[in-house]
Amino acid sequence: MAPEQWQPEVRGPISFETDSWGFACSIIEMLTGVQPWCGRSVDEIYDAVVRRQEIPPIPSGLPPAVENVLLGCFEYDLRSRPLMTDILRVFKSSQNSVHSDGGWTGHGSRILPDKSSSGYTEWFLSKEDLKVDDVVRSRKPPNSFKPENMDVPEGRVVGVEHNTEGESFVLVRVHGIHDPLRVHVSALERVTFGLAAGDWVRLKEEDRRHSPVGILHSIQRDGSVAVGFLGLETLWKGHFSELQMAESYCVGQFVRLKANVVSPQFEWPRKREGVWATGRICMVVPNGCLIVRFPGRLTFGEQCSSFLADPAEVEVVTFNTCPGMVKKYQHLEDLHWAVRPLFIALGLFTAMQMGFSVGRKLRGAKAKKLQSSVIQKDGQHVDGQVAGNPAWLPPSMANMLSKGTSAAAGR
């Protein structure tokens, strides 16, 4: 089973791409005579497929295009898998491939890149067929929600080109630029009624049966949409007018439960003070479910290191938005469990350094005071001797005084 089939309402939704995973498992069994994960228990397969995201070994010696499509079938994110039409096209194109000592030759045997320069698989990109009059914009990098450095902020397709190597380009008319831009199709995404596949959306009228926040999987040119919502086993089908834009989440963000959430849908750890802990998103499931880890929480043995979260119940936390030094320090503690011991060690070291410094200054001041007292006593003793016995003065001074007295008496 594909990863989303183990818990379809949590790790789903189940879609056409789910069949691609099962088809690839059948092909591997046909080629090797052994079922993938043969001999493992159900719990071991769950741990391998769902938690550690393992894939079965692909038999060697296959045409490169066939090997590539089988690898694509085992993508953890179902949106990155090929559809059955893509799989059949690759198998048909490889029928006439011939293997020789130099490798595979023939149509359909070229090695296809696993990931494009944009970070998406070729199968993900092939699901969007751009046409003339489509509104497009630059495609955001995976796990990103900020449209930074957009070469095409928004424009309209005025032409489509295909070269001999099978690559496609479109001519995009952008407001403010005289000549159309020639852009590779993989760098663009279609925007229909202000929405694009991959956007975070929220239902205007919430349904208590599932989370109101989800991820848009597709939007057709007539306005019909398919959305993955946490709590539904399959894609939600509806119209774009029923949706509105929602806050985006991506891998690497820190989140915590909202203040008004008293009983979250999934288990969520607390801090020592009893408040909800802050965790970092390590994965976003196609239905919007967030998999969160807590680097500031030290775990031992079999303790759970990751938790699930409903995107409608959490909010993003950043260092810049934390009010006051106390909140900023607490956010630093959420970065890693070693922050508090480090600060304690740093504080002890600073206190020791200050103690040594103050001790040296006190000892220095005491020594100076003692020396000043000794000098003062010695000076008073010298003054008393000079007043009572002038002969005690140094010889040179006594001679000078005696000569001055003699000169005065002669006059």
Protein backbone atom coordinates (compact mmCIF):
# COMPACT_ATOMS: atom_id res chain seq x y z
CA MET A 1 0.00 0.00 0.00
CA ALA A 2 1.02 3.58 -0.60
CA PRO A 3 1.84 5.68 2.49
CA GLU A 4 -1.45 7.57 2.33
CA GLN A 5 -3.45 4.30 2.38
CA TRP A 6 -2.37 3.43 5.91
CA GLN A 7 -4.23 6.41 7.40
CA PRO A 8 -6.11 8.03 4.50
CA GLU A 9 -7.95 10.62 6.62
CA VAL A 10 -4.64 11.74 8.17
CA ARG A 11 -1.93 11.04 5.57
CA GLY A 12 -4.18 11.13 2.50
CA PRO A 13 -5.92 11.81 0.35
CA ILE A 14 -6.28 8.69 -1.77
CA SER A 15 -6.14 9.68 -5.44
CA PHE A 16 -5.26 8.38 -8.89
CA GLU A 17 -1.57 8.58 -8.00
CA THR A 18 -2.16 6.06 -5.22
CA ASP A 19 -2.65 3.42 -7.92
CA SER A 20 0.76 4.33 -9.39
CA TRP A 21 2.46 3.13 -6.19
CA GLY A 22 0.60 -0.20 -6.28
CA PHE A 23 1.29 -0.63 -9.99
CA ALA A 24 5.05 -0.19 -9.43
CA CYS A 25 4.95 -2.79 -6.64
CA SER A 26 3.29 -5.24 -9.05
CA ILE A 27 5.90 -4.56 -11.76
CA ILE A 28 8.77 -5.21 -9.32
CA GLU A 29 7.16 -8.47 -8.22
CA MET A 30 6.77 -9.51 -11.90
CA LEU A 31 10.43 -8.73 -12.61
CA THR A 32 11.93 -10.32 -9.49
CA GLY A 33 9.40 -12.94 -8.44
CA VAL A 34 9.41 -11.51 -4.91
CA GLN A 35 6.92 -9.14 -3.34
CA PRO A 36 8.33 -5.84 -2.04
CA TRP A 37 8.97 -5.97 1.72
CA CYS A 38 8.45 -9.72 1.65
CA GLY A 39 8.88 -11.41 5.03
CA ARG A 40 8.27 -8.28 7.11
CA SER A 41 5.43 -7.87 9.56
CA VAL A 42 2.71 -5.29 9.11
CA ASP A 43 4.26 -3.06 11.77
CA GLU A 44 7.68 -3.31 10.13
CA ILE A 45 6.24 -2.38 6.72
CA TYR A 46 4.39 0.56 8.28
CA ASP A 47 7.59 1.78 9.92
CA ALA A 48 9.52 1.42 6.65
CA VAL A 49 6.95 2.96 4.32
CA VAL A 50 5.25 5.62 6.43
CA ARG A 51 7.85 6.69 8.97
CA ARG A 52 11.22 6.09 7.25
CA GLN A 53 9.87 6.52 3.71
CA GLU A 54 11.77 3.56 2.28
CA ILE A 55 11.26 2.34 -1.28
CA PRO A 56 11.86 -1.20 -2.54
CA PRO A 57 15.03 -1.77 -4.60
CA ILE A 58 14.53 -1.28 -8.33
CA PRO A 59 15.88 -4.21 -10.41
CA SER A 60 18.98 -3.36 -12.42
CA GLY A 61 19.20 -3.69 -16.19
CA LEU A 62 15.95 -1.89 -17.04
CA PRO A 63 15.68 0.75 -19.77
CA PRO A 64 16.48 4.12 -18.16
CA ALA A 65 13.02 5.54 -18.88
CA VAL A 66 11.31 2.56 -17.22
CA GLU A 67 13.62 2.74 -14.21
CA ASN A 68 12.92 6.46 -13.92
CA VAL A 69 9.15 6.08 -14.00
CA LEU A 70 9.26 3.31 -11.37
CA LEU A 71 11.28 5.56 -9.08
CA GLY A 72 8.68 8.28 -9.65
CA CYS A 73 5.91 5.89 -8.60
CA PHE A 74 7.55 5.56 -5.17
CA GLU A 75 7.62 9.30 -4.39
CA TYR A 76 6.28 9.81 -0.87
CA ASP A 77 4.27 12.89 -1.91
CA LEU A 78 1.56 11.55 -4.20
CA ARG A 79 1.53 14.78 -6.23
CA SER A 80 5.07 14.00 -7.43
CA ARG A 81 4.11 10.58 -8.85
CA PRO A 82 3.25 9.91 -12.50
CA LEU A 83 -0.30 9.21 -13.59
CA MET A 84 -1.16 5.94 -15.30
CA THR A 85 -1.16 7.72 -18.68
CA ASP A 86 2.47 8.75 -18.07
CA ILE A 87 3.43 5.20 -17.06
CA LEU A 88 1.80 3.64 -20.13
CA ARG A 89 3.45 6.17 -22.42
CA VAL A 90 6.90 5.29 -21.02
CA PHE A 91 6.32 1.53 -21.31
CA LYS A 92 5.07 1.82 -24.87
CA SER A 93 7.99 4.02 -25.89
CA SER A 94 10.41 1.46 -24.45
CA GLN A 95 8.95 -1.53 -26.32
CA ASN A 96 11.42 -1.15 -29.19
CA SER A 97 14.45 -0.50 -26.97
CA VAL A 98 17.31 -2.91 -27.61
CA HIS A 99 19.99 -3.79 -25.08
CA SER A 100 23.53 -4.22 -26.32
CA ASP A 101 26.93 -4.27 -24.68
CA GLY A 102 26.94 -0.49 -24.76
CA GLY A 103 23.61 -0.19 -22.95
CA TRP A 104 20.06 0.43 -24.01
CA THR A 105 19.35 1.99 -27.40
CA GLY A 106 16.16 3.05 -29.06
CA HIS A 107 13.32 5.46 -28.52
CA GLY A 108 12.38 6.13 -24.90
CA SER A 109 15.68 5.01 -23.41
CA ARG A 110 17.14 8.37 -22.51
CA ILE A 111 17.80 9.02 -18.84
CA LEU A 112 15.32 11.49 -17.41
CA PRO A 113 16.22 13.68 -14.43
CA ASP A 114 14.62 12.73 -11.15
CA LYS A 115 14.15 16.35 -10.15
CA SER A 116 14.00 19.40 -12.36
CA SER A 117 15.92 22.59 -11.70
CA SER A 118 12.81 23.97 -9.99
CA GLY A 119 12.89 21.17 -7.40
CA TYR A 120 9.73 19.45 -8.67
CA THR A 121 9.60 16.06 -10.35
CA GLU A 122 8.90 15.91 -14.07
CA TRP A 123 5.67 14.04 -13.30
CA PHE A 124 4.45 16.87 -11.08
CA LEU A 125 5.17 19.40 -13.83
CA SER A 126 3.60 17.32 -16.59
CA LYS A 127 0.16 17.54 -14.97
CA GLU A 128 -0.23 21.19 -15.92
CA ASP A 129 -0.73 21.77 -19.64
CA LEU A 130 -0.44 25.47 -20.40
CA LYS A 131 -2.47 26.95 -23.25
CA VAL A 132 -2.79 30.30 -24.93
CA ASP A 133 -4.66 32.90 -22.81
CA ASP A 134 -3.75 31.17 -19.55
CA VAL A 135 -2.67 33.53 -16.76
CA VAL A 136 0.67 32.39 -15.33
CA ARG A 137 3.28 33.43 -12.77
CA SER A 138 6.68 32.17 -11.65
CA ARG A 139 6.51 28.87 -9.81
CA LYS A 140 7.48 29.03 -6.15
CA PRO A 141 10.23 26.67 -4.95
CA PRO A 142 9.02 23.59 -3.05
CA ASN A 143 8.26 24.19 0.64
CA SER A 144 8.18 27.93 0.12
CA PHE A 145 5.33 30.38 0.49
CA LYS A 146 7.09 33.65 -0.35
CA PRO A 147 7.00 34.73 -4.02
CA GLU A 148 10.53 36.14 -3.91
CA ASN A 149 12.56 37.01 -7.01
CA MET A 150 9.68 36.31 -9.37
CA ASP A 151 10.82 36.67 -12.98
CA VAL A 152 7.18 36.62 -14.09
CA PRO A 153 4.99 38.30 -11.45
CA GLU A 154 1.87 37.62 -13.52
CA GLY A 155 1.30 37.51 -17.24
CA ARG A 156 -0.73 35.94 -20.03
CA VAL A 157 0.38 33.18 -22.38
CA VAL A 158 0.38 34.37 -26.01
CA GLY A 159 2.23 31.44 -27.60
CA VAL A 160 3.43 27.87 -27.05
CA GLU A 161 6.58 26.32 -28.55
CA HIS A 162 7.92 22.75 -28.65
CA ASN A 163 11.48 21.92 -29.69
CA THR A 164 12.87 18.70 -31.14
CA GLU A 165 14.15 17.54 -27.72
CA GLY A 166 10.65 17.42 -26.28
CA GLU A 167 10.98 20.60 -24.22
CA SER A 168 8.19 23.17 -24.14
CA PHE A 169 8.38 26.94 -23.87
CA VAL A 170 5.69 29.60 -23.68
CA LEU A 171 5.64 33.25 -24.67
CA VAL A 172 4.27 35.35 -21.82
CA ARG A 173 3.02 38.90 -22.16
CA VAL A 174 3.79 40.83 -18.96
CA HIS A 175 2.41 44.27 -18.20
CA GLY A 176 5.10 46.92 -18.58
CA ILE A 177 7.33 44.83 -20.86
CA HIS A 178 7.06 45.40 -24.61
CA ASP A 179 8.23 42.05 -25.96
CA PRO A 180 6.83 38.72 -24.71
CA LEU A 181 9.08 36.65 -22.43
CA ARG A 182 10.14 33.18 -23.58
CA VAL A 183 10.00 30.96 -20.50
CA HIS A 184 10.31 27.21 -19.95
CA VAL A 185 6.99 25.69 -18.88
CA SER A 186 8.55 24.17 -15.74
CA ALA A 187 9.20 27.67 -14.36
CA LEU A 188 5.55 28.73 -14.50
CA GLU A 189 2.29 27.82 -12.81
CA ARG A 190 -1.21 28.54 -14.02
CA VAL A 191 -3.32 31.01 -12.04
CA THR A 192 -7.08 30.61 -12.43
CA PHE A 193 -9.48 32.91 -10.63
CA GLY A 194 -6.56 34.00 -8.43
CA LEU A 195 -5.69 30.45 -7.34
CA ALA A 196 -2.94 28.02 -8.33
CA ALA A 197 -2.26 24.37 -7.49
CA GLY A 198 -0.42 24.17 -4.19
CA ASP A 199 -2.07 27.21 -2.60
CA TRP A 200 -3.33 26.99 0.99
CA VAL A 201 -7.09 27.58 1.10
CA ARG A 202 -9.84 27.75 3.68
CA LEU A 203 -13.53 26.93 3.32
CA LYS A 204 -15.77 29.94 3.72
CA GLU A 205 -18.35 27.71 5.42
CA GLU A 206 -16.61 25.26 7.73
CA ASP A 207 -17.56 21.60 7.88
CA ARG A 208 -17.13 19.99 11.30
CA ARG A 209 -16.31 16.64 9.69
CA HIS A 210 -12.88 17.82 8.54
CA SER A 211 -10.36 20.63 8.91
CA PRO A 212 -11.39 23.88 7.20
CA VAL A 213 -7.81 24.50 5.98
CA GLY A 214 -6.28 22.45 3.18
CA ILE A 215 -4.09 22.43 0.08
CA LEU A 216 -5.42 23.04 -3.42
CA HIS A 217 -4.48 20.12 -5.69
CA SER A 218 -6.01 21.36 -8.92
CA ILE A 219 -8.19 24.08 -10.34
CA GLN A 220 -9.77 23.74 -13.76
CA ARG A 221 -10.38 26.53 -16.20
CA ASP A 222 -14.11 26.35 -15.47
CA GLY A 223 -13.52 27.02 -11.75
CA SER A 224 -13.94 23.49 -10.38
CA VAL A 225 -11.38 22.59 -7.73
CA ALA A 226 -9.98 19.56 -5.90
CA VAL A 227 -8.66 20.15 -2.37
CA GLY A 228 -6.99 17.90 0.19
CA PHE A 229 -8.44 18.39 3.67
CA LEU A 230 -7.29 16.70 6.87
CA GLY A 231 -10.10 14.35 7.93
CA LEU A 232 -11.21 13.34 4.42
CA GLU A 233 -10.01 10.12 2.80
CA THR A 234 -10.35 11.48 -0.75
CA LEU A 235 -10.08 14.85 -2.46
CA TRP A 236 -12.81 17.37 -1.77
CA LYS A 237 -14.49 18.52 -4.99
CA GLY A 238 -16.19 21.89 -5.30
CA HIS A 239 -16.05 25.38 -6.81
CA PHE A 240 -13.45 28.07 -6.29
CA SER A 241 -16.12 30.47 -4.99
CA GLU A 242 -16.39 28.31 -1.85
CA LEU A 243 -12.75 28.95 -0.95
CA GLN A 244 -10.60 31.78 0.30
CA MET A 245 -6.84 32.11 0.72
CA ALA A 246 -5.40 30.84 4.00
CA GLU A 247 -2.12 31.27 5.86
CA SER A 248 0.66 29.24 4.26
CA TYR A 249 2.89 26.77 6.07
CA CYS A 250 6.17 25.28 4.93
CA VAL A 251 8.95 23.03 6.18
CA GLY A 252 11.24 24.77 8.68
CA GLN A 253 8.67 27.09 10.23
CA PHE A 254 8.10 27.08 14.00
CA VAL A 255 4.47 26.70 15.08
CA ARG A 256 2.50 26.43 18.29
CA LEU A 257 -1.13 25.89 19.16
CA LYS A 258 -3.35 28.95 19.06
CA ALA A 259 -4.39 30.46 22.38
CA ASN A 260 -8.05 29.53 21.87
CA VAL A 261 -7.25 25.81 21.33
CA VAL A 262 -7.96 23.98 24.59
CA SER A 263 -8.18 20.39 23.34
CA PRO A 264 -6.24 19.86 20.07
CA GLN A 265 -7.21 17.14 17.62
CA PHE A 266 -3.82 15.44 18.01
CA GLU A 267 -1.54 15.02 21.00
CA TRP A 268 0.73 18.02 21.57
CA PRO A 269 3.54 18.23 24.17
CA ARG A 270 3.74 20.85 26.89
CA LYS A 271 6.68 22.67 28.49
CA ARG A 272 7.69 22.45 32.14
CA GLU A 273 5.57 25.50 32.90
CA GLY A 274 2.50 23.76 31.49
CA VAL A 275 2.18 25.92 28.36
CA TRP A 276 2.06 24.39 24.88
CA ALA A 277 5.48 23.72 23.38
CA THR A 278 6.69 25.21 20.09
CA GLY A 279 7.84 22.85 17.34
CA ARG A 280 9.30 22.95 13.85
CA ILE A 281 7.47 21.66 10.77
CA CYS A 282 9.44 18.80 9.21
CA MET A 283 6.87 17.72 6.61
CA VAL A 284 3.62 18.89 5.04
CA VAL A 285 1.27 16.10 3.96
CA PRO A 286 -0.73 16.66 0.73
CA ASN A 287 -3.94 17.19 2.74
CA GLY A 288 -2.34 19.95 4.82
CA CYS A 289 -1.59 17.84 7.89
CA LEU A 290 1.60 19.07 9.53
CA ILE A 291 4.25 16.73 10.92
CA VAL A 292 6.03 18.63 13.68
CA ARG A 293 9.16 17.86 15.66
CA PHE A 294 10.29 19.53 18.84
CA PRO A 295 14.06 20.11 18.80
CA GLY A 296 13.81 21.81 22.20
CA ARG A 297 12.45 18.61 23.73
CA LEU A 298 14.95 15.92 24.73
CA THR A 299 13.61 12.42 24.01
CA PHE A 300 14.84 9.03 25.19
CA GLY A 301 14.31 5.52 23.89
CA GLU A 302 10.90 4.90 22.35
CA GLN A 303 9.50 8.35 23.07
CA CYS A 304 7.71 9.90 20.10
CA SER A 305 9.85 12.48 18.35
CA SER A 306 7.24 13.82 15.90
CA PHE A 307 3.61 14.87 16.27
CA LEU A 308 0.71 15.61 13.93
CA ALA A 309 -1.04 18.97 13.80
CA ASP A 310 -4.14 20.43 12.21
CA PRO A 311 -3.14 23.57 10.25
CA ALA A 312 -6.30 25.29 11.46
CA GLU A 313 -5.17 24.95 15.10
CA VAL A 314 -1.62 26.34 14.89
CA GLU A 315 0.09 29.67 14.29
CA VAL A 316 3.57 30.59 13.10
CA VAL A 317 6.12 31.74 15.69
CA THR A 318 9.27 33.68 14.77
CA PHE A 319 12.03 35.32 16.77
CA ASN A 320 11.07 38.76 15.44
CA THR A 321 7.42 38.44 16.51
CA CYS A 322 8.22 37.33 20.08
CA PRO A 323 7.51 40.30 22.40
CA GLY A 324 10.15 41.02 25.02
CA MET A 325 13.43 39.34 25.91
CA VAL A 326 11.75 36.58 27.93
CA LYS A 327 9.69 35.40 24.95
CA LYS A 328 12.71 35.63 22.68
CA TYR A 329 14.72 33.49 25.09
CA GLN A 330 11.89 30.95 25.26
CA HIS A 331 11.87 30.78 21.46
CA LEU A 332 15.62 30.16 21.52
CA GLU A 333 14.99 27.25 23.88
CA ASP A 334 12.66 25.79 21.26
CA LEU A 335 15.52 25.68 18.75
CA HIS A 336 17.34 22.93 20.64
CA TRP A 337 17.10 21.17 23.99
CA ALA A 338 20.73 22.15 24.80
CA VAL A 339 20.01 25.91 24.83
CA ARG A 340 19.00 26.01 28.52
CA PRO A 341 22.04 23.99 29.78
CA LEU A 342 24.24 26.14 27.56
CA PHE A 343 22.85 29.35 29.02
CA ILE A 344 23.22 27.96 32.55
CA ALA A 345 26.84 26.99 31.85
CA LEU A 346 27.45 30.38 30.26
CA GLY A 347 25.90 32.11 33.27
CA LEU A 348 28.03 30.12 35.71
CA PHE A 349 31.14 30.84 33.68
CA THR A 350 30.29 34.56 33.55
CA ALA A 351 29.61 34.60 37.30
CA MET A 352 32.94 32.89 37.99
CA GLN A 353 34.75 35.35 35.74
CA MET A 354 33.07 38.28 37.45
CA GLY A 355 33.90 36.78 40.85
CA PHE A 356 37.56 36.40 39.92
CA SER A 357 37.65 39.93 38.50
CA VAL A 358 36.00 41.47 41.56
CA GLY A 359 38.28 39.44 43.84
CA ARG A 360 41.37 40.69 42.03
CA LYS A 361 40.14 44.27 42.23
CA LEU A 362 39.37 43.95 45.96
CA ARG A 363 42.74 42.42 46.66
CA GLY A 364 44.42 45.14 44.61
CA ALA A 365 42.50 47.90 46.40
CA LYS A 366 43.30 46.38 49.80
CA ALA A 367 46.99 46.12 48.92
CA LYS A 368 47.06 49.74 47.72
CA LYS A 369 45.29 50.89 50.87
CA LEU A 370 47.74 49.00 53.06
CA GLN A 371 50.71 50.38 51.13
CA SER A 372 49.32 53.92 51.38
CA SER A 373 48.85 53.48 55.13
CA VAL A 374 52.43 52.26 55.54
CA ILE A 375 53.79 55.16 53.49
CA GLN A 376 51.72 57.63 55.50
CA LYS A 377 53.02 56.25 58.79
CA ASP A 378 56.58 56.28 57.54
CA GLY A 379 56.19 59.92 56.42
CA GLN A 380 54.88 60.98 59.81
CA HIS A 381 57.85 59.22 61.47
CA VAL A 382 60.32 60.98 59.16
CA ASP A 383 58.76 64.41 59.81
CA GLY A 384 59.09 63.89 63.57
CA GLN A 385 62.73 62.99 63.29
CA VAL A 386 63.49 66.04 61.12
CA ALA A 387 61.84 68.40 63.58
CA GLY A 388 63.60 66.99 66.68
CA ASN A 389 67.04 66.20 65.24
CA PRO A 390 68.19 68.21 62.20
CA ALA A 391 71.40 66.18 62.08
CA TRP A 392 69.37 63.24 60.79
CA LEU A 393 68.98 64.90 57.38
CA PRO A 394 71.00 63.47 54.55
CA PRO A 395 74.63 64.63 54.52
CA SER A 396 74.27 66.72 51.42
CA MET A 397 71.39 68.67 52.91
CA ALA A 398 73.27 69.14 56.24
CA ASN A 399 76.33 70.45 54.47
CA MET A 400 74.23 72.90 52.52
CA LEU A 401 72.62 74.21 55.72
CA SER A 402 75.96 74.50 57.57
CA LYS A 403 77.53 76.43 54.68
CA GLY A 404 74.61 78.79 54.54
CA THR A 405 74.85 79.48 58.30
CA SER A 406 78.59 80.20 58.13
CA ALA A 407 78.16 82.64 55.26
CA ALA A 408 75.49 84.53 57.17
CA ALA A 409 77.67 84.79 60.32
CA GLY A 410 80.61 86.22 58.29
CA ARG A 411 78.48 89.00 56.98
